[in-house]
Amino acid sequence: MNEVRLVEMNMENLVKVCRLSDTLTPEQQKCVAPNVYSVAQAHFSPDHAWFRAIYLDEEPIGFVMVDVKLDDEEIPKEEHPSVMLWRFMIAKDYQGKGYGKKALDIVTDKFRKEGNKYFYTSCVMGDVSPYQFYLNYGFVDTGEKDDEEEILKMKL
């Protein structure tokens, strides 16, 4: 069947989704915060965080979190409203099979329909960086950095 869908986090999927971080290589773990940290951060940022488990059929395979409340200091006023891909991960065994793209399609479609103008993200650079994945998806490098992360954006 191979249907990718987004599912609200709940007590039934919490542990499985948090354990997905353990499937990443040590190099990949340097590129994205552990899911347990992201879920906790989301609960302490209720005005900013929209988050979901990424499922393949009935199995959780990833996690996505979007900052839905960017302010004037983060983006130019003329780009309001915009959102930022805050966290995005696919478990190691499911990478390179198109599931990440399908999940991102669902996310971008949702926020485009809600009237957002741009979708931002950022990533660390290196051998296992998701940078090329984001470029292939349609993000462009802004030439700016946030700490040590490249900032990318895509027009919705």
N, C-alpha and C. Protein backbone atom coordinates (compact mmCIF):
# COMPACT_ATOMS: atom_id res chain seq x y z
N MET A 1 0.82 -1.19 0.00
CA MET A 1 0.00 0.00 0.00
C MET A 1 0.87 1.26 0.00
N ASN A 2 1.83 1.36 0.92
CA ASN A 2 2.80 2.45 0.98
C ASN A 2 2.19 3.85 0.97
N GLU A 3 1.23 4.09 1.85
CA GLU A 3 0.63 5.40 1.98
C GLU A 3 1.36 6.18 3.07
N VAL A 4 1.90 7.35 2.69
CA VAL A 4 2.54 8.23 3.66
C VAL A 4 1.47 9.19 4.16
N ARG A 5 1.41 9.34 5.48
CA ARG A 5 0.44 10.25 6.08
C ARG A 5 1.01 10.83 7.36
N LEU A 6 0.41 11.92 7.81
CA LEU A 6 0.83 12.57 9.04
C LEU A 6 -0.20 12.28 10.11
N VAL A 7 0.29 11.92 11.30
CA VAL A 7 -0.57 11.51 12.40
C VAL A 7 -0.21 12.34 13.64
N GLU A 8 -1.24 12.79 14.35
CA GLU A 8 -0.98 13.53 15.59
C GLU A 8 -0.25 12.64 16.57
N MET A 9 0.64 13.26 17.32
CA MET A 9 1.37 12.54 18.36
C MET A 9 0.40 12.24 19.51
N ASN A 10 0.53 11.04 20.07
CA ASN A 10 -0.32 10.63 21.19
C ASN A 10 0.45 9.61 22.04
N MET A 11 -0.17 9.14 23.09
CA MET A 11 0.50 8.20 23.99
C MET A 11 0.81 6.88 23.29
N GLU A 12 0.02 6.52 22.28
CA GLU A 12 0.24 5.25 21.58
C GLU A 12 1.47 5.28 20.67
N ASN A 13 1.78 6.44 20.09
CA ASN A 13 2.91 6.47 19.16
C ASN A 13 4.14 7.21 19.71
N LEU A 14 4.02 7.81 20.87
CA LEU A 14 5.11 8.63 21.42
C LEU A 14 6.43 7.87 21.53
N VAL A 15 6.45 6.72 22.14
CA VAL A 15 7.70 5.99 22.37
C VAL A 15 8.31 5.55 21.03
N LYS A 16 7.48 5.02 20.14
CA LYS A 16 8.00 4.58 18.83
C LYS A 16 8.62 5.73 18.05
N VAL A 17 7.94 6.87 18.04
CA VAL A 17 8.45 8.03 17.31
C VAL A 17 9.75 8.53 17.94
N CYS A 18 9.81 8.55 19.26
CA CYS A 18 11.04 9.00 19.92
C CYS A 18 12.20 8.06 19.65
N ARG A 19 11.94 6.77 19.56
CA ARG A 19 13.00 5.79 19.30
C ARG A 19 13.52 5.83 17.87
N LEU A 20 12.78 6.47 16.97
CA LEU A 20 13.25 6.57 15.57
C LEU A 20 14.57 7.31 15.47
N SER A 21 14.83 8.22 16.39
CA SER A 21 16.10 8.96 16.39
C SER A 21 17.30 8.01 16.53
N ASP A 22 17.10 6.89 17.23
CA ASP A 22 18.18 5.92 17.44
C ASP A 22 18.56 5.19 16.16
N THR A 23 17.72 5.27 15.11
CA THR A 23 18.03 4.58 13.86
C THR A 23 19.02 5.37 13.00
N LEU A 24 19.19 6.65 13.32
CA LEU A 24 20.08 7.49 12.53
C LEU A 24 21.54 7.19 12.84
N THR A 25 22.40 7.38 11.85
CA THR A 25 23.84 7.21 12.07
C THR A 25 24.32 8.32 13.01
N PRO A 26 25.46 8.13 13.65
CA PRO A 26 25.99 9.20 14.52
C PRO A 26 26.15 10.53 13.77
N GLU A 27 26.53 10.49 12.50
CA GLU A 27 26.69 11.71 11.70
C GLU A 27 25.34 12.38 11.47
N GLN A 28 24.30 11.57 11.18
CA GLN A 28 22.97 12.12 10.98
C GLN A 28 22.40 12.70 12.27
N GLN A 29 22.73 12.09 13.39
CA GLN A 29 22.22 12.58 14.67
C GLN A 29 22.74 13.98 14.99
N LYS A 30 23.86 14.37 14.36
CA LYS A 30 24.39 15.72 14.55
C LYS A 30 23.60 16.75 13.75
N CYS A 31 22.76 16.28 12.81
CA CYS A 31 22.01 17.17 11.92
C CYS A 31 20.60 17.49 12.41
N VAL A 32 20.07 16.71 13.34
CA VAL A 32 18.70 16.92 13.80
C VAL A 32 18.60 16.52 15.28
N ALA A 33 17.87 17.33 16.02
CA ALA A 33 17.69 17.05 17.45
C ALA A 33 16.92 15.75 17.62
N PRO A 34 17.15 15.03 18.71
CA PRO A 34 16.38 13.81 18.98
C PRO A 34 14.88 14.12 19.05
N ASN A 35 14.07 13.20 18.57
CA ASN A 35 12.62 13.41 18.56
C ASN A 35 12.05 13.66 19.95
N VAL A 36 12.62 13.01 20.98
CA VAL A 36 12.12 13.22 22.34
C VAL A 36 12.30 14.69 22.74
N TYR A 37 13.42 15.29 22.36
CA TYR A 37 13.67 16.70 22.64
C TYR A 37 12.70 17.57 21.85
N SER A 38 12.47 17.23 20.58
CA SER A 38 11.56 18.01 19.73
C SER A 38 10.14 17.99 20.26
N VAL A 39 9.66 16.83 20.68
CA VAL A 39 8.30 16.72 21.23
C VAL A 39 8.18 17.56 22.50
N ALA A 40 9.19 17.49 23.36
CA ALA A 40 9.17 18.30 24.59
C ALA A 40 9.19 19.78 24.24
N GLN A 41 10.04 20.16 23.31
CA GLN A 41 10.13 21.56 22.90
C GLN A 41 8.80 22.04 22.32
N ALA A 42 8.14 21.20 21.56
CA ALA A 42 6.84 21.54 20.97
C ALA A 42 5.80 21.82 22.05
N HIS A 43 5.82 21.03 23.09
CA HIS A 43 4.85 21.22 24.18
C HIS A 43 5.11 22.50 24.96
N PHE A 44 6.36 22.97 24.96
CA PHE A 44 6.68 24.22 25.64
C PHE A 44 6.62 25.42 24.70
N SER A 45 6.26 25.18 23.44
CA SER A 45 6.11 26.24 22.44
C SER A 45 4.78 26.09 21.70
N PRO A 46 3.67 26.00 22.44
CA PRO A 46 2.39 25.68 21.79
C PRO A 46 1.94 26.69 20.75
N ASP A 47 2.35 27.97 20.88
CA ASP A 47 1.97 28.97 19.89
C ASP A 47 2.79 28.86 18.61
N HIS A 48 3.94 28.21 18.69
CA HIS A 48 4.84 28.13 17.54
C HIS A 48 4.87 26.77 16.86
N ALA A 49 4.71 25.70 17.62
CA ALA A 49 4.98 24.36 17.10
C ALA A 49 3.73 23.63 16.61
N TRP A 50 3.80 23.21 15.36
CA TRP A 50 2.85 22.26 14.78
C TRP A 50 3.69 21.02 14.48
N PHE A 51 3.31 19.86 15.03
CA PHE A 51 4.16 18.68 14.85
C PHE A 51 3.32 17.44 14.64
N ARG A 52 3.90 16.48 13.90
CA ARG A 52 3.20 15.24 13.58
C ARG A 52 4.22 14.11 13.43
N ALA A 53 3.72 12.90 13.65
CA ALA A 53 4.49 11.70 13.32
C ALA A 53 4.26 11.45 11.83
N ILE A 54 5.28 10.97 11.16
CA ILE A 54 5.16 10.59 9.75
C ILE A 54 4.98 9.08 9.72
N TYR A 55 3.91 8.64 9.10
CA TYR A 55 3.59 7.21 9.04
C TYR A 55 3.70 6.70 7.62
N LEU A 56 4.11 5.45 7.50
CA LEU A 56 4.01 4.69 6.26
C LEU A 56 3.01 3.59 6.58
N ASP A 57 1.85 3.68 5.99
CA ASP A 57 0.73 2.80 6.34
C ASP A 57 0.48 2.92 7.84
N GLU A 58 0.71 1.85 8.59
CA GLU A 58 0.42 1.88 10.04
C GLU A 58 1.66 2.00 10.91
N GLU A 59 2.81 2.27 10.29
CA GLU A 59 4.08 2.29 11.01
C GLU A 59 4.68 3.70 11.05
N PRO A 60 5.02 4.23 12.23
CA PRO A 60 5.71 5.52 12.27
C PRO A 60 7.13 5.40 11.72
N ILE A 61 7.47 6.31 10.79
CA ILE A 61 8.79 6.27 10.16
C ILE A 61 9.53 7.59 10.26
N GLY A 62 8.90 8.60 10.86
CA GLY A 62 9.57 9.89 10.92
C GLY A 62 8.82 10.89 11.77
N PHE A 63 9.33 12.11 11.76
CA PHE A 63 8.79 13.19 12.58
C PHE A 63 8.97 14.50 11.85
N VAL A 64 7.97 15.38 11.96
CA VAL A 64 8.06 16.71 11.37
C VAL A 64 7.52 17.73 12.37
N MET A 65 8.18 18.89 12.43
CA MET A 65 7.72 19.99 13.28
C MET A 65 7.94 21.29 12.52
N VAL A 66 6.91 22.14 12.53
CA VAL A 66 6.94 23.41 11.81
C VAL A 66 6.72 24.55 12.79
N ASP A 67 7.51 25.61 12.64
CA ASP A 67 7.30 26.84 13.41
C ASP A 67 6.29 27.66 12.61
N VAL A 68 5.10 27.82 13.18
CA VAL A 68 4.01 28.48 12.47
C VAL A 68 3.88 29.96 12.82
N LYS A 69 4.83 30.48 13.61
CA LYS A 69 4.72 31.86 14.06
C LYS A 69 6.07 32.56 13.99
N LEU A 70 6.54 32.81 12.78
CA LEU A 70 7.79 33.55 12.60
C LEU A 70 7.53 35.03 12.84
N ASP A 71 8.49 35.73 13.40
CA ASP A 71 8.28 37.16 13.67
C ASP A 71 9.11 38.03 12.75
N ASP A 72 8.95 39.35 12.91
CA ASP A 72 9.60 40.32 12.03
C ASP A 72 11.12 40.25 12.06
N GLU A 73 11.68 39.80 13.19
CA GLU A 73 13.13 39.71 13.28
C GLU A 73 13.67 38.55 12.46
N GLU A 74 12.83 37.56 12.19
CA GLU A 74 13.30 36.37 11.49
C GLU A 74 13.15 36.47 9.97
N ILE A 75 12.09 37.12 9.50
CA ILE A 75 11.86 37.24 8.06
C ILE A 75 11.35 38.63 7.72
N PRO A 76 11.57 39.07 6.47
CA PRO A 76 11.07 40.39 6.06
C PRO A 76 9.54 40.47 6.14
N LYS A 77 9.04 41.63 6.46
CA LYS A 77 7.60 41.85 6.64
C LYS A 77 6.80 41.45 5.39
N GLU A 78 7.36 41.71 4.21
CA GLU A 78 6.63 41.40 2.96
C GLU A 78 6.49 39.89 2.72
N GLU A 79 7.19 39.08 3.49
CA GLU A 79 7.09 37.62 3.35
C GLU A 79 6.12 37.00 4.36
N HIS A 80 5.44 37.84 5.13
CA HIS A 80 4.45 37.34 6.10
C HIS A 80 3.16 36.99 5.38
N PRO A 81 2.46 35.97 5.77
CA PRO A 81 2.89 34.96 6.73
C PRO A 81 3.75 33.89 6.05
N SER A 82 4.70 33.39 6.79
CA SER A 82 5.55 32.29 6.34
C SER A 82 5.76 31.34 7.51
N VAL A 83 6.20 30.13 7.20
CA VAL A 83 6.47 29.13 8.23
C VAL A 83 7.88 28.57 8.04
N MET A 84 8.35 27.86 9.07
CA MET A 84 9.70 27.29 8.99
C MET A 84 9.68 25.82 9.38
N LEU A 85 10.28 25.02 8.55
CA LEU A 85 10.47 23.60 8.87
C LEU A 85 11.50 23.55 9.98
N TRP A 86 11.03 23.23 11.18
CA TRP A 86 11.86 23.31 12.38
C TRP A 86 12.60 21.99 12.58
N ARG A 87 11.91 20.88 12.40
CA ARG A 87 12.52 19.56 12.51
C ARG A 87 11.91 18.65 11.44
N PHE A 88 12.75 17.79 10.90
CA PHE A 88 12.28 16.84 9.89
C PHE A 88 13.24 15.67 9.89
N MET A 89 12.71 14.47 10.13
CA MET A 89 13.57 13.29 10.10
C MET A 89 12.79 12.08 9.61
N ILE A 90 13.49 11.24 8.90
CA ILE A 90 12.98 9.95 8.43
C ILE A 90 13.93 8.88 8.97
N ALA A 91 13.38 7.80 9.54
CA ALA A 91 14.20 6.72 10.08
C ALA A 91 15.13 6.17 9.01
N LYS A 92 16.29 5.75 9.41
CA LYS A 92 17.35 5.30 8.50
C LYS A 92 16.88 4.31 7.44
N ASP A 93 16.15 3.28 7.83
CA ASP A 93 15.73 2.24 6.88
C ASP A 93 14.72 2.73 5.85
N TYR A 94 14.17 3.91 6.04
CA TYR A 94 13.14 4.43 5.14
C TYR A 94 13.66 5.60 4.28
N GLN A 95 14.92 5.96 4.45
CA GLN A 95 15.51 7.05 3.69
C GLN A 95 15.82 6.61 2.26
N GLY A 96 15.77 7.57 1.35
CA GLY A 96 16.13 7.31 -0.05
C GLY A 96 15.06 6.56 -0.82
N LYS A 97 13.84 6.50 -0.30
CA LYS A 97 12.76 5.75 -0.95
C LYS A 97 11.60 6.65 -1.36
N GLY A 98 11.77 7.96 -1.19
CA GLY A 98 10.74 8.91 -1.57
C GLY A 98 9.73 9.24 -0.49
N TYR A 99 9.85 8.62 0.68
CA TYR A 99 8.88 8.87 1.75
C TYR A 99 9.03 10.27 2.33
N GLY A 100 10.25 10.74 2.45
CA GLY A 100 10.48 12.09 2.96
C GLY A 100 9.87 13.14 2.03
N LYS A 101 10.03 12.95 0.74
CA LYS A 101 9.43 13.87 -0.23
C LYS A 101 7.91 13.85 -0.12
N LYS A 102 7.33 12.67 0.00
CA LYS A 102 5.87 12.57 0.11
C LYS A 102 5.38 13.26 1.38
N ALA A 103 6.09 13.08 2.48
CA ALA A 103 5.71 13.74 3.73
C ALA A 103 5.81 15.26 3.59
N LEU A 104 6.88 15.71 2.97
CA LEU A 104 7.06 17.15 2.78
C LEU A 104 6.00 17.72 1.83
N ASP A 105 5.58 16.93 0.85
CA ASP A 105 4.48 17.35 -0.04
C ASP A 105 3.22 17.64 0.77
N ILE A 106 2.91 16.77 1.72
CA ILE A 106 1.71 16.94 2.55
C ILE A 106 1.84 18.21 3.38
N VAL A 107 3.02 18.41 3.97
CA VAL A 107 3.26 19.58 4.82
C VAL A 107 3.18 20.87 4.00
N THR A 108 3.88 20.92 2.87
CA THR A 108 3.88 22.15 2.06
C THR A 108 2.48 22.45 1.53
N ASP A 109 1.74 21.43 1.14
CA ASP A 109 0.38 21.63 0.65
C ASP A 109 -0.50 22.24 1.74
N LYS A 110 -0.38 21.72 2.95
CA LYS A 110 -1.16 22.24 4.09
C LYS A 110 -0.89 23.72 4.30
N PHE A 111 0.38 24.10 4.39
CA PHE A 111 0.71 25.48 4.70
C PHE A 111 0.50 26.42 3.51
N ARG A 112 0.60 25.92 2.30
CA ARG A 112 0.27 26.71 1.11
C ARG A 112 -1.23 27.05 1.13
N LYS A 113 -2.06 26.04 1.39
CA LYS A 113 -3.51 26.24 1.44
C LYS A 113 -3.93 27.21 2.54
N GLU A 114 -3.13 27.29 3.59
CA GLU A 114 -3.42 28.21 4.70
C GLU A 114 -2.98 29.64 4.39
N GLY A 115 -2.40 29.87 3.22
CA GLY A 115 -2.05 31.21 2.79
C GLY A 115 -0.65 31.68 3.10
N ASN A 116 0.23 30.78 3.49
CA ASN A 116 1.61 31.17 3.75
C ASN A 116 2.34 31.44 2.45
N LYS A 117 3.27 32.39 2.49
CA LYS A 117 3.99 32.81 1.28
C LYS A 117 5.28 32.00 1.06
N TYR A 118 6.02 31.75 2.15
CA TYR A 118 7.30 31.06 2.04
C TYR A 118 7.42 29.97 3.09
N PHE A 119 8.26 29.00 2.76
CA PHE A 119 8.58 27.91 3.67
C PHE A 119 10.09 27.96 3.85
N TYR A 120 10.53 28.19 5.06
CA TYR A 120 11.95 28.28 5.39
C TYR A 120 12.42 26.97 6.02
N THR A 121 13.70 26.74 5.98
CA THR A 121 14.33 25.69 6.76
C THR A 121 15.80 26.07 6.94
N SER A 122 16.49 25.31 7.74
CA SER A 122 17.93 25.50 7.88
C SER A 122 18.57 24.14 8.10
N CYS A 123 19.84 24.04 7.78
CA CYS A 123 20.52 22.76 7.98
C CYS A 123 22.01 22.96 8.15
N VAL A 124 22.60 22.02 8.88
CA VAL A 124 24.05 22.01 9.02
C VAL A 124 24.64 21.45 7.73
N MET A 125 25.85 21.83 7.44
CA MET A 125 26.52 21.32 6.25
C MET A 125 27.44 20.17 6.64
N GLY A 126 27.74 19.32 5.68
CA GLY A 126 28.62 18.19 5.94
C GLY A 126 28.29 17.03 5.02
N ASP A 127 28.97 15.92 5.23
CA ASP A 127 28.82 14.76 4.35
C ASP A 127 27.41 14.18 4.34
N VAL A 128 26.71 14.22 5.47
CA VAL A 128 25.37 13.63 5.54
C VAL A 128 24.29 14.69 5.69
N SER A 129 24.60 15.93 5.39
CA SER A 129 23.65 17.03 5.50
C SER A 129 22.44 16.82 4.59
N PRO A 130 21.27 17.25 5.03
CA PRO A 130 20.08 17.18 4.17
C PRO A 130 20.03 18.31 3.14
N TYR A 131 21.09 19.10 3.05
CA TYR A 131 21.14 20.27 2.17
C TYR A 131 20.72 19.93 0.74
N GLN A 132 21.30 18.90 0.15
CA GLN A 132 20.98 18.55 -1.24
C GLN A 132 19.53 18.08 -1.38
N PHE A 133 19.03 17.36 -0.38
CA PHE A 133 17.62 16.94 -0.40
C PHE A 133 16.71 18.16 -0.50
N TYR A 134 17.00 19.18 0.32
CA TYR A 134 16.17 20.39 0.32
C TYR A 134 16.29 21.14 -1.01
N LEU A 135 17.49 21.23 -1.56
CA LEU A 135 17.66 21.89 -2.86
C LEU A 135 16.88 21.13 -3.94
N ASN A 136 16.99 19.82 -3.93
CA ASN A 136 16.26 19.00 -4.91
C ASN A 136 14.75 19.16 -4.76
N TYR A 137 14.31 19.40 -3.54
CA TYR A 137 12.88 19.55 -3.29
C TYR A 137 12.35 20.88 -3.82
N GLY A 138 13.21 21.89 -3.87
CA GLY A 138 12.76 23.20 -4.37
C GLY A 138 13.14 24.38 -3.50
N PHE A 139 13.81 24.11 -2.38
CA PHE A 139 14.32 25.20 -1.55
C PHE A 139 15.52 25.83 -2.24
N VAL A 140 15.77 27.10 -1.97
CA VAL A 140 16.96 27.78 -2.48
C VAL A 140 17.75 28.31 -1.29
N ASP A 141 19.05 28.32 -1.44
CA ASP A 141 19.93 28.83 -0.39
C ASP A 141 19.82 30.35 -0.37
N THR A 142 19.55 30.93 0.80
CA THR A 142 19.41 32.38 0.91
C THR A 142 20.77 33.07 1.02
N GLY A 143 21.83 32.29 1.28
CA GLY A 143 23.14 32.87 1.50
C GLY A 143 23.33 33.36 2.93
N GLU A 144 22.30 33.19 3.74
CA GLU A 144 22.37 33.61 5.14
C GLU A 144 22.57 32.40 6.04
N LYS A 145 23.03 32.67 7.26
CA LYS A 145 23.24 31.60 8.25
C LYS A 145 22.55 31.94 9.55
N ASP A 146 22.15 30.89 10.26
CA ASP A 146 21.65 31.01 11.63
C ASP A 146 22.58 30.12 12.45
N ASP A 147 23.38 30.74 13.27
CA ASP A 147 24.48 30.04 13.93
C ASP A 147 25.35 29.42 12.83
N GLU A 148 25.47 28.11 12.80
CA GLU A 148 26.28 27.45 11.78
C GLU A 148 25.43 26.78 10.69
N GLU A 149 24.13 27.08 10.68
CA GLU A 149 23.24 26.43 9.73
C GLU A 149 22.91 27.33 8.55
N GLU A 150 22.92 26.74 7.35
CA GLU A 150 22.51 27.45 6.13
C GLU A 150 21.00 27.64 6.17
N ILE A 151 20.54 28.82 5.78
CA ILE A 151 19.11 29.10 5.73
C ILE A 151 18.64 28.97 4.28
N LEU A 152 17.59 28.20 4.11
CA LEU A 152 17.00 27.99 2.78
C LEU A 152 15.53 28.41 2.82
N LYS A 153 14.98 28.74 1.66
CA LYS A 153 13.56 29.06 1.60
C LYS A 153 12.98 28.62 0.27
N MET A 154 11.66 28.47 0.28
CA MET A 154 10.94 28.03 -0.92
C MET A 154 9.65 28.83 -0.97
N LYS A 155 9.34 29.38 -2.14
CA LYS A 155 8.08 30.08 -2.31
C LYS A 155 6.95 29.07 -2.34
N LEU A 156 5.91 29.33 -1.53
CA LEU A 156 4.73 28.47 -1.53
C LEU A 156 3.75 29.05 -2.50
